Amino acid sequence: MSKSKTPSSLSGKAAIAGAIGSAAVAAGLLYMTKRKEKKAPPVTGPHGEPPETD
């Protein structure tokens, strides 16, 4: 009752696994880009000194 694995059924599974892997890589890259955008340089005055606050 067990099905024999034919090359065509294996290639379909490999294509699905490749698509899932590609989506995971793309999601990781998007996450890293958003993380980099959030890091803003500290606010400094015109001469590189921290701003004075009252």
Protein backbone atom coordinates (compact mmCIF):
# COMPACT_ATOMS: atom_id res chain seq x y z
CA MET A 1 0.00 0.00 0.00
CA SER A 2 2.97 2.33 0.20
CA LYS A 3 3.51 4.57 -2.77
CA SER A 4 6.84 4.47 -4.52
CA LYS A 5 8.58 7.81 -4.77
CA THR A 6 8.91 8.83 -8.38
CA PRO A 7 11.19 11.62 -9.50
CA SER A 8 8.22 13.79 -10.48
CA SER A 9 6.69 13.64 -6.98
CA LEU A 10 10.05 14.42 -5.40
CA SER A 11 10.63 17.39 -7.69
CA GLY A 12 7.24 18.84 -6.71
CA LYS A 13 8.12 18.54 -3.02
CA ALA A 14 11.52 20.09 -3.69
CA ALA A 15 9.87 23.01 -5.48
CA ILE A 16 7.56 23.59 -2.51
CA ALA A 17 10.48 23.41 -0.08
CA GLY A 18 12.42 25.86 -2.24
CA ALA A 19 9.54 28.31 -2.28
CA ILE A 20 9.19 28.13 1.50
CA GLY A 21 12.94 28.62 1.91
CA SER A 22 12.92 31.61 -0.42
CA ALA A 23 10.06 33.18 1.52
CA ALA A 24 11.94 32.68 4.78
CA VAL A 25 15.06 34.35 3.38
CA ALA A 26 13.01 37.28 2.04
CA ALA A 27 11.28 37.72 5.41
CA GLY A 28 14.65 37.71 7.18
CA LEU A 29 16.03 40.36 4.85
CA LEU A 30 12.98 42.58 5.35
CA TYR A 31 13.30 42.21 9.12
CA MET A 32 16.96 43.20 9.06
CA THR A 33 16.31 46.25 6.84
CA LYS A 34 13.58 47.51 9.15
CA ARG A 35 15.87 47.02 12.13
CA LYS A 36 18.60 49.09 10.50
CA GLU A 37 16.12 51.90 9.69
CA LYS A 38 15.08 52.20 13.33
CA LYS A 39 18.63 52.94 14.50
CA ALA A 40 18.92 56.72 14.26
CA PRO A 41 22.11 58.57 15.12
CA PRO A 42 22.03 60.48 18.42
CA VAL A 43 20.90 64.09 18.19
CA THR A 44 23.77 66.55 18.38
CA GLY A 45 24.14 70.28 18.10
CA PRO A 46 25.77 72.12 15.20
CA HIS A 47 29.32 71.50 16.54
CA GLY A 48 28.80 67.86 17.49
CA GLU A 49 27.95 68.63 21.11
CA PRO A 50 24.79 67.34 22.79
CA PRO A 51 21.97 69.91 22.75
CA GLU A 52 21.44 71.97 25.90
CA THR A 53 18.07 71.53 27.55
CA ASP A 54 16.45 73.41 30.39
